[in-house]
Amino acid sequence: MAVTVETLEKLERRITLTLAADVINNEVANRLKRLSRTVKADGFRPGKVPMSVVSQRYGYSVQYEVMNDKVGQAFEEATREAKLRVAGAPRITEKENAPEGQMTFDATFEVYPEVKLGDLSTAEVERVSTDVTDAAIDKTVDILRKQRRTFAQRPAGEAAGEGDRVTIDFEGKIDGVPFDGGKAEGFQFLIGEGQMLEQFEKAVRGMKAGESKTFPLQFPEDYQGKDVAGKEADFLVTVNKIEVQNLPVVDEAFAKSLGIADGTVDALRADIKKNLEREVKFRVLARNKGAVMDALVKTAELDLPTALVNGEIERMVEAARADLKKRGVKDADNAPIPSEIFKDQAERRVRLGLVVGELVRANNLSAKPEQLQAHIEEISQSYEKPAEVVRWYLSDRQRMAEVEGVVIENNVAEFVLGKAKVSDKALPFDELMAG
């Protein structure tokens, strides 16, 4: 059967579907007959309910179900015959004045676009690299020491200093009026670790246990508490307790406490370096992949299917609601989230997905079994029991699909970097880790 495809605009198409009315009616009758064998109704034994009762009660829903099935089947057969790649669900509308004994429907839908990949040799990509230095290792050692520090009360009469843990009561007022979040009792923080605004820490530094002080504090314009952002408050602070921190010495005992088998400091530093290099590798790869994807989007030409963009927006809105629900926001499922705020991001995701898909197809960049295995084994090295992690991934299709997506992205990045105009940049360790 020849299928006539009407082009409406760009990616939008329309085809007419024709169904024989007797086929619909016969299928409805067959389904109602099967339903009558199990349906229950007051006054009748199971399987003995009259067809008139079954039709009256279930006829509409069965008719709707059959129409959906038959129209969907006809649409699938028509698009397959016309060799169309349908993007998103079609809009189906029944036509009036159909020939006798027939039912006709218009199916309006979008097709996947032709993706024109640009000349990758003209694409410009910045590729970063980062070395794990002794300074980076030292910083990690300091973090490990702080995670295992202890505190002892500072002798009476000694003032609070850098690194001390203080326990305070405080109350803030703006124009003499208390504000939400501006009061606490028994509040603890470490001086010099950025837990409080710099002006607040500066005021507490040098105070002694039992001492009180009133001081002004200017909230930054970009402060997270919008009600007080940019305003000046007066704070009354009372120091209840001051504790000095004791950091463990970096020695064999410290190394052994961290699970280093031979208990040497050199072995500890080597282990830290190996872990940092693994983390750096993943971060550098992610950053370089991002640069590659930006270049791909700029070089490719294609029209975007509205259905795919809208579908992506819907997923992003649902993800936002799920995040609100996870945070304990009341009525998160019905939160009014404007879809337009996700439009640009959704368009980029769809565009990138189509471009990457075409690049993978045209250049055979699909993930190979050995690449999947190697990636999983590399991930597993970050855990105490790598073999169990490998089995965990291999046992679940969803997790394997995620791994496959990452490997394909890696293949795409490597392919593009091999053809593009690449400028190399050494990125400081701290800058990479902060990104």
Protein backbone atom coordinates (compact mmCIF):
# COMPACT_ATOMS: atom_id res chain seq x y z
CA MET A 1 0.00 0.00 0.00
CA ALA A 2 1.43 3.35 -1.05
CA VAL A 3 1.65 5.89 1.75
CA THR A 4 1.29 9.57 0.92
CA VAL A 5 3.39 11.78 3.15
CA GLU A 6 2.55 15.49 3.27
CA THR A 7 5.29 17.91 4.33
CA LEU A 8 3.88 20.73 6.43
CA GLU A 9 7.01 22.64 7.48
CA LYS A 10 10.60 21.69 8.15
CA LEU A 11 10.32 18.47 10.17
CA GLU A 12 6.53 18.27 10.42
CA ARG A 13 4.73 15.63 8.34
CA ARG A 14 1.17 14.35 7.96
CA ILE A 15 -0.24 11.09 6.70
CA THR A 16 -3.83 9.88 6.45
CA LEU A 17 -4.74 6.54 8.01
CA THR A 18 -7.76 4.57 6.84
CA LEU A 19 -9.40 1.79 8.88
CA ALA A 20 -12.31 -0.45 7.95
CA ALA A 21 -15.19 0.11 10.40
CA ASP A 22 -16.07 -3.60 10.45
CA VAL A 23 -12.53 -4.47 11.56
CA ILE A 24 -12.92 -2.10 14.52
CA ASN A 25 -16.39 -3.39 15.35
CA ASN A 26 -15.37 -7.04 15.12
CA GLU A 27 -12.40 -6.49 17.41
CA VAL A 28 -14.58 -4.63 19.93
CA ALA A 29 -17.09 -7.49 19.87
CA ASN A 30 -14.35 -10.10 20.36
CA ARG A 31 -12.86 -8.25 23.32
CA LEU A 32 -16.25 -7.75 24.97
CA LYS A 33 -16.97 -11.45 24.49
CA ARG A 34 -13.70 -12.38 26.19
CA LEU A 35 -14.40 -9.88 28.94
CA SER A 36 -17.86 -11.38 29.57
CA ARG A 37 -16.24 -14.65 30.70
CA THR A 38 -14.72 -13.04 33.78
CA VAL A 39 -16.75 -9.90 34.46
CA LYS A 40 -18.89 -9.79 37.60
CA ALA A 41 -22.30 -8.12 38.00
CA ASP A 42 -24.88 -8.20 40.76
CA GLY A 43 -27.58 -10.82 40.14
CA PHE A 44 -25.53 -12.85 37.69
CA ARG A 45 -23.14 -15.75 38.08
CA PRO A 46 -19.57 -15.23 36.79
CA GLY A 47 -19.51 -15.87 33.06
CA LYS A 48 -23.29 -15.54 32.75
CA VAL A 49 -23.55 -11.73 32.50
CA PRO A 50 -25.59 -10.83 29.37
CA MET A 51 -23.64 -9.20 26.53
CA SER A 52 -26.02 -6.23 26.63
CA VAL A 53 -24.96 -5.52 30.21
CA VAL A 54 -21.28 -6.01 29.39
CA SER A 55 -21.56 -3.70 26.37
CA GLN A 56 -23.38 -1.02 28.34
CA ARG A 57 -20.81 -1.08 31.13
CA TYR A 58 -17.56 -1.58 29.20
CA GLY A 59 -18.36 -0.79 25.57
CA TYR A 60 -16.96 2.76 25.54
CA SER A 61 -13.64 1.90 27.21
CA VAL A 62 -13.13 -1.16 24.99
CA GLN A 63 -13.97 0.89 21.88
CA TYR A 64 -11.41 3.51 22.94
CA GLU A 65 -8.80 0.84 23.60
CA VAL A 66 -9.35 -0.85 20.22
CA MET A 67 -9.23 2.46 18.35
CA ASN A 68 -5.92 3.36 20.01
CA ASP A 69 -4.45 -0.04 19.22
CA LYS A 70 -5.58 -0.13 15.58
CA VAL A 71 -4.66 3.48 14.82
CA GLY A 72 -1.27 3.00 16.47
CA GLN A 73 -0.68 -0.17 14.47
CA ALA A 74 -1.70 1.53 11.22
CA PHE A 75 0.56 4.50 11.98
CA GLU A 76 3.52 2.22 12.70
CA GLU A 77 2.99 0.27 9.48
CA ALA A 78 2.61 3.45 7.41
CA THR A 79 5.75 5.15 8.75
CA ARG A 80 7.72 1.95 8.37
CA GLU A 81 6.63 1.61 4.74
CA ALA A 82 7.48 5.27 4.11
CA LYS A 83 10.84 4.74 5.86
CA LEU A 84 10.30 7.62 8.26
CA ARG A 85 12.08 8.05 11.59
CA VAL A 86 9.39 9.51 13.84
CA ALA A 87 10.46 11.93 16.57
CA GLY A 88 8.01 11.91 19.45
CA ALA A 89 4.37 10.86 19.57
CA PRO A 90 1.98 11.78 16.70
CA ARG A 91 -1.15 13.92 17.06
CA ILE A 92 -4.12 11.89 15.83
CA THR A 93 -7.36 13.56 14.71
CA GLU A 94 -10.38 11.81 13.19
CA LYS A 95 -11.55 13.19 9.83
CA GLU A 96 -15.18 13.88 9.05
CA ASN A 97 -17.08 12.68 5.99
CA ALA A 98 -15.15 9.41 5.69
CA PRO A 99 -16.30 6.98 2.98
CA GLU A 100 -19.03 4.61 4.08
CA GLY A 101 -17.70 1.68 6.04
CA GLN A 102 -14.39 3.39 6.76
CA MET A 103 -12.81 5.60 9.39
CA THR A 104 -10.04 8.03 8.48
CA PHE A 105 -7.52 9.82 10.67
CA ASP A 106 -4.84 12.45 10.14
CA ALA A 107 -1.57 11.69 11.92
CA THR A 108 0.62 14.78 12.32
CA PHE A 109 4.15 14.23 13.57
CA GLU A 110 7.79 15.23 13.32
CA VAL A 111 10.66 13.29 11.83
CA TYR A 112 14.30 13.21 12.88
CA PRO A 113 16.33 15.87 11.08
CA GLU A 114 19.21 15.47 8.70
CA VAL A 115 22.34 16.28 10.71
CA LYS A 116 25.06 18.03 8.73
CA LEU A 117 28.33 17.61 10.56
CA GLY A 118 30.68 20.51 10.05
CA ASP A 119 34.34 20.34 9.14
CA LEU A 120 35.93 19.21 12.40
CA SER A 121 39.34 20.41 11.25
CA THR A 122 38.07 23.98 11.69
CA ALA A 123 36.72 23.37 15.20
CA GLU A 124 38.70 24.98 18.02
CA VAL A 125 39.02 23.03 21.29
CA GLU A 126 40.95 23.88 24.43
CA ARG A 127 42.36 20.71 26.00
CA VAL A 128 43.44 20.97 29.63
CA SER A 129 45.84 18.85 31.64
CA THR A 130 46.70 18.87 35.32
CA ASP A 131 49.61 17.40 37.29
CA VAL A 132 49.32 16.06 40.82
CA THR A 133 52.04 18.03 42.64
CA ASP A 134 53.57 17.60 46.10
CA ALA A 135 51.55 20.64 47.16
CA ALA A 136 48.33 18.85 46.17
CA ILE A 137 49.39 15.80 48.18
CA ASP A 138 50.27 18.02 51.17
CA LYS A 139 46.84 19.63 50.98
CA THR A 140 45.14 16.23 50.98
CA VAL A 141 47.23 15.12 53.97
CA ASP A 142 46.08 18.26 55.82
CA ILE A 143 42.46 17.42 55.03
CA LEU A 144 42.95 13.89 56.40
CA ARG A 145 44.53 15.30 59.54
CA LYS A 146 41.61 17.69 60.07
CA GLN A 147 39.16 14.84 59.67
CA ARG A 148 40.87 13.12 62.61
CA ARG A 149 41.58 16.13 64.82
CA THR A 150 40.59 16.36 68.46
CA PHE A 151 39.71 19.36 70.62
CA ALA A 152 40.65 20.36 74.16
CA GLN A 153 39.33 23.29 76.14
CA ARG A 154 41.60 26.29 76.04
CA PRO A 155 42.82 27.48 79.47
CA ALA A 156 40.74 30.20 81.11
CA GLY A 157 41.78 33.70 80.16
CA GLU A 158 43.23 32.74 76.76
CA ALA A 159 41.68 34.40 73.72
CA ALA A 160 40.18 32.60 70.72
CA GLY A 161 42.53 32.30 67.78
CA GLU A 162 42.89 30.81 64.33
CA GLY A 163 41.70 27.20 64.15
CA ASP A 164 39.93 27.28 67.54
CA ARG A 165 36.43 25.87 67.89
CA VAL A 166 34.19 28.33 69.69
CA THR A 167 30.75 27.79 71.20
CA ILE A 168 28.71 30.98 71.20
CA ASP A 169 25.28 32.53 71.67
CA PHE A 170 24.37 35.31 69.24
CA GLU A 171 21.48 37.53 68.21
CA GLY A 172 21.35 39.88 65.26
CA LYS A 173 19.02 42.81 64.67
CA ILE A 174 18.40 45.10 61.71
CA ASP A 175 17.21 48.57 62.71
CA GLY A 176 16.60 47.13 66.18
CA VAL A 177 14.36 44.32 64.90
CA PRO A 178 15.35 40.62 65.12
CA PHE A 179 15.28 38.67 61.84
CA ASP A 180 14.81 35.00 60.91
CA GLY A 181 18.00 32.97 61.31
CA GLY A 182 19.71 35.75 63.23
CA LYS A 183 19.68 34.06 66.63
CA ALA A 184 21.26 30.88 68.03
CA GLU A 185 22.41 29.40 71.32
CA GLY A 186 25.27 26.94 71.79
CA PHE A 187 26.37 27.46 68.17
CA GLN A 188 29.79 26.04 67.24
CA PHE A 189 32.16 27.01 64.43
CA LEU A 190 35.86 26.89 63.64
CA ILE A 191 37.62 30.23 63.30
CA GLY A 192 39.37 30.65 59.97
CA GLU A 193 37.58 27.90 58.03
CA GLY A 194 35.02 30.10 56.30
CA GLN A 195 32.00 28.72 58.13
CA MET A 196 30.90 32.25 59.03
CA LEU A 197 31.17 35.60 57.26
CA GLU A 198 34.63 37.13 57.53
CA GLN A 199 33.37 40.11 59.58
CA PHE A 200 31.75 37.74 62.07
CA GLU A 201 34.91 35.65 62.47
CA LYS A 202 37.03 38.78 62.85
CA ALA A 203 34.80 40.01 65.70
CA VAL A 204 34.98 36.70 67.59
CA ARG A 205 38.71 36.24 67.10
CA GLY A 206 40.47 37.51 70.24
CA MET A 207 37.44 37.17 72.53
CA LYS A 208 37.67 35.14 75.76
CA ALA A 209 35.27 32.65 77.33
CA GLY A 210 32.48 34.49 79.15
CA GLU A 211 33.02 37.70 77.18
CA SER A 212 30.25 39.46 75.20
CA LYS A 213 30.54 41.93 72.35
CA THR A 214 28.26 43.93 70.09
CA PHE A 215 29.45 44.70 66.56
CA PRO A 216 28.02 45.76 63.16
CA LEU A 217 28.00 43.33 60.21
CA GLN A 218 27.33 44.20 56.57
CA PHE A 219 25.68 41.35 54.68
CA PRO A 220 26.94 40.95 51.08
CA GLU A 221 24.61 41.91 48.24
CA ASP A 222 24.67 38.30 46.97
CA TYR A 223 24.06 36.75 50.41
CA GLN A 224 21.93 33.60 50.24
CA GLY A 225 19.40 35.00 52.73
CA LYS A 226 17.58 37.43 50.43
CA ASP A 227 15.76 39.14 53.30
CA VAL A 228 19.04 40.42 54.77
CA ALA A 229 21.24 40.62 51.66
CA GLY A 230 22.92 44.00 51.37
CA LYS A 231 21.71 45.16 54.80
CA GLU A 232 23.66 46.03 57.95
CA ALA A 233 22.89 44.20 61.19
CA ASP A 234 24.06 44.63 64.78
CA PHE A 235 25.11 41.39 66.49
CA LEU A 236 25.45 40.61 70.17
CA VAL A 237 27.79 37.65 70.68
CA THR A 238 28.67 35.82 73.90
CA VAL A 239 31.52 33.28 73.90
CA ASN A 240 30.69 30.26 76.08
CA LYS A 241 33.63 27.99 75.35
CA ILE A 242 36.89 27.99 73.40
CA GLU A 243 38.59 24.78 72.30
CA VAL A 244 41.99 24.43 70.70
CA GLN A 245 42.36 21.80 68.00
CA ASN A 246 45.02 19.08 68.07
CA LEU A 247 46.05 17.68 64.70
CA PRO A 248 47.57 14.18 64.54
CA VAL A 249 51.25 13.94 63.62
CA VAL A 250 51.94 12.52 60.18
CA ASP A 251 53.84 9.39 61.16
CA GLU A 252 53.61 5.61 60.85
CA ALA A 253 50.71 5.41 63.31
CA PHE A 254 48.80 7.96 61.26
CA ALA A 255 49.51 6.05 58.04
CA LYS A 256 48.35 2.76 59.58
CA SER A 257 45.14 4.41 60.83
CA LEU A 258 44.38 5.18 57.19
CA GLY A 259 44.76 1.56 56.10
CA ILE A 260 48.28 1.78 54.66
CA ALA A 261 49.63 -1.77 54.94
CA ASP A 262 53.34 -1.09 55.56
CA GLY A 263 52.58 2.00 57.66
CA THR A 264 55.14 4.34 56.13
CA VAL A 265 54.55 7.99 55.34
CA ASP A 266 56.02 7.49 51.86
CA ALA A 267 53.50 4.72 51.18
CA LEU A 268 50.70 7.00 52.41
CA ARG A 269 51.76 9.78 50.05
CA ALA A 270 52.05 7.31 47.17
CA ASP A 271 48.54 6.04 47.86
CA ILE A 272 47.19 9.60 48.00
CA LYS A 273 48.93 10.44 44.74
CA LYS A 274 47.43 7.41 43.00
CA ASN A 275 43.92 8.34 44.17
CA LEU A 276 44.37 11.98 43.20
CA GLU A 277 45.66 11.03 39.76
CA ARG A 278 42.56 8.87 39.23
CA GLU A 279 40.29 11.75 40.27
CA VAL A 280 42.24 14.23 38.15
CA LYS A 281 41.97 11.92 35.14
CA PHE A 282 38.18 11.76 35.40
CA ARG A 283 37.84 15.52 35.93
CA VAL A 284 40.17 16.40 33.08
CA LEU A 285 38.33 13.98 30.81
CA ALA A 286 34.96 15.48 31.78
CA ARG A 287 36.22 19.01 31.18
CA ASN A 288 37.73 18.14 27.81
CA LYS A 289 34.57 16.31 26.78
CA GLY A 290 32.61 19.45 27.61
CA ALA A 291 34.88 21.50 25.36
CA VAL A 292 34.48 18.94 22.57
CA MET A 293 30.69 18.97 22.87
CA ASP A 294 30.66 22.78 22.71
CA ALA A 295 32.68 22.62 19.49
CA LEU A 296 30.39 19.96 17.99
CA VAL A 297 27.26 22.03 18.64
CA LYS A 298 28.85 25.04 16.92
CA THR A 299 29.93 23.16 13.79
CA ALA A 300 26.77 21.11 13.09
CA GLU A 301 23.65 22.22 11.23
CA LEU A 302 20.21 20.74 11.95
CA ASP A 303 16.60 21.54 12.75
CA LEU A 304 15.33 20.56 16.18
CA PRO A 305 12.19 18.42 16.56
CA THR A 306 9.84 20.32 18.86
CA ALA A 307 8.50 17.03 20.25
CA LEU A 308 11.95 15.98 21.45
CA VAL A 309 12.63 19.38 23.02
CA ASN A 310 9.27 19.36 24.82
CA GLY A 311 9.91 15.82 26.02
CA GLU A 312 13.27 16.87 27.41
CA ILE A 313 11.71 19.89 29.14
CA GLU A 314 9.12 17.62 30.77
CA ARG A 315 11.86 15.33 32.08
CA MET A 316 13.78 18.30 33.48
CA VAL A 317 10.69 19.68 35.22
CA GLU A 318 9.97 16.27 36.76
CA ALA A 319 13.61 16.00 37.87
CA ALA A 320 13.32 19.44 39.50
CA ARG A 321 10.18 18.35 41.35
CA ALA A 322 11.87 15.13 42.46
CA ASP A 323 14.76 17.20 43.83
CA LEU A 324 12.35 19.45 45.74
CA LYS A 325 10.62 16.37 47.14
CA LYS A 326 13.95 14.93 48.21
CA ARG A 327 14.66 18.17 50.09
CA GLY A 328 11.37 17.85 51.94
CA VAL A 329 9.51 20.66 50.16
CA LYS A 330 5.78 20.41 50.82
CA ASP A 331 3.56 19.55 47.81
CA ALA A 332 6.64 19.23 45.61
CA ASP A 333 4.71 17.12 43.09
CA ASN A 334 2.51 20.12 42.32
CA ALA A 335 5.18 22.80 42.57
CA PRO A 336 4.64 25.52 39.92
CA ILE A 337 7.86 25.19 37.92
CA PRO A 338 7.83 27.28 34.70
CA SER A 339 8.93 25.05 31.83
CA GLU A 340 10.41 27.95 29.84
CA ILE A 341 13.39 28.22 32.21
CA PHE A 342 14.58 24.86 30.87
CA LYS A 343 14.06 25.57 27.18
CA ASP A 344 17.62 26.61 26.27
CA GLN A 345 19.15 23.71 28.18
CA ALA A 346 16.68 21.25 26.68
CA GLU A 347 17.41 22.49 23.15
CA ARG A 348 21.12 22.08 23.74
CA ARG A 349 20.70 18.55 25.07
CA VAL A 350 18.57 17.50 22.10
CA ARG A 351 20.90 19.15 19.61
CA LEU A 352 23.95 17.55 21.20
CA GLY A 353 22.29 14.14 21.36
CA LEU A 354 21.43 14.22 17.66
CA VAL A 355 24.89 15.46 16.64
CA VAL A 356 26.73 12.89 18.77
CA GLY A 357 24.44 10.14 17.50
CA GLU A 358 25.22 11.03 13.89
CA LEU A 359 28.96 11.26 14.57
CA VAL A 360 28.94 7.86 16.28
CA ARG A 361 26.97 6.28 13.41
CA ALA A 362 29.08 7.84 10.66
CA ASN A 363 32.43 6.94 12.25
CA ASN A 364 31.70 3.66 14.06
CA LEU A 365 32.36 5.09 17.53
CA SER A 366 30.08 2.73 19.44
CA ALA A 367 31.34 1.30 22.73
CA LYS A 368 33.19 -2.00 22.37
CA PRO A 369 32.88 -4.76 25.01
CA GLU A 370 36.51 -4.46 26.02
CA GLN A 371 36.08 -0.68 26.52
CA LEU A 372 33.08 -1.23 28.78
CA GLN A 373 35.01 -3.76 30.85
CA ALA A 374 38.05 -1.50 31.14
CA HIS A 375 35.93 1.49 32.22
CA ILE A 376 34.12 -0.50 34.91
CA GLU A 377 37.38 -1.90 36.25
CA GLU A 378 38.85 1.61 36.40
CA ILE A 379 35.83 2.88 38.36
CA SER A 380 36.05 -0.09 40.73
CA GLN A 381 39.59 0.83 41.79
CA SER A 382 38.17 3.67 43.87
CA TYR A 383 36.43 1.18 46.18
CA GLU A 384 37.61 -1.22 48.86
CA LYS A 385 36.25 -4.31 47.07
CA PRO A 386 36.71 -3.74 43.31
CA ALA A 387 35.47 -7.20 42.29
CA GLU A 388 32.10 -6.59 43.96
CA VAL A 389 31.75 -3.24 42.20
CA VAL A 390 32.44 -4.87 38.82
CA ARG A 391 29.77 -7.51 39.48
CA TRP A 392 27.36 -4.77 40.61
CA TYR A 393 27.69 -3.00 37.26
CA LEU A 394 27.58 -6.13 35.13
CA SER A 395 24.42 -7.39 36.82
CA ASP A 396 22.21 -4.43 35.87
CA ARG A 397 21.24 -3.31 32.35
CA GLN A 398 20.49 0.26 33.41
CA ARG A 399 23.93 0.70 34.98
CA MET A 400 25.57 -0.86 31.93
CA ALA A 401 23.65 1.53 29.67
CA GLU A 402 25.03 4.45 31.68
CA VAL A 403 28.57 3.08 31.35
CA GLU A 404 28.03 2.64 27.60
CA GLY A 405 26.96 6.28 27.30
CA VAL A 406 30.12 7.46 29.06
CA VAL A 407 32.38 5.29 26.90
CA ILE A 408 30.71 6.53 23.71
CA GLU A 409 31.27 10.12 24.86
CA ASN A 410 34.93 9.27 25.48
CA ASN A 411 35.21 7.83 21.97
CA VAL A 412 33.63 10.95 20.50
CA ALA A 413 35.97 13.23 22.46
CA GLU A 414 39.05 11.30 21.34
CA PHE A 415 37.87 11.31 17.72
CA VAL A 416 37.18 15.06 17.65
CA LEU A 417 40.43 15.94 19.45
CA GLY A 418 42.27 14.00 16.75
CA LYS A 419 40.84 16.25 14.03
CA ALA A 420 40.18 19.66 15.60
CA LYS A 421 42.46 22.64 16.18
CA VAL A 422 43.56 21.85 19.71
CA SER A 423 45.22 24.30 22.09
CA ASP A 424 46.70 22.75 25.22
CA LYS A 425 46.46 24.45 28.61
CA ALA A 426 48.00 23.40 31.92
CA LEU A 427 45.37 23.85 34.60
CA PRO A 428 46.40 24.26 38.27
CA PHE A 429 45.27 21.42 40.51
CA ASP A 430 43.20 23.67 42.80
CA GLU A 431 41.39 25.25 39.86
CA LEU A 432 40.48 21.86 38.42
CA MET A 433 39.19 20.53 41.73
CA ALA A 434 37.17 23.69 42.38
CA GLY A 435 35.44 23.48 39.01
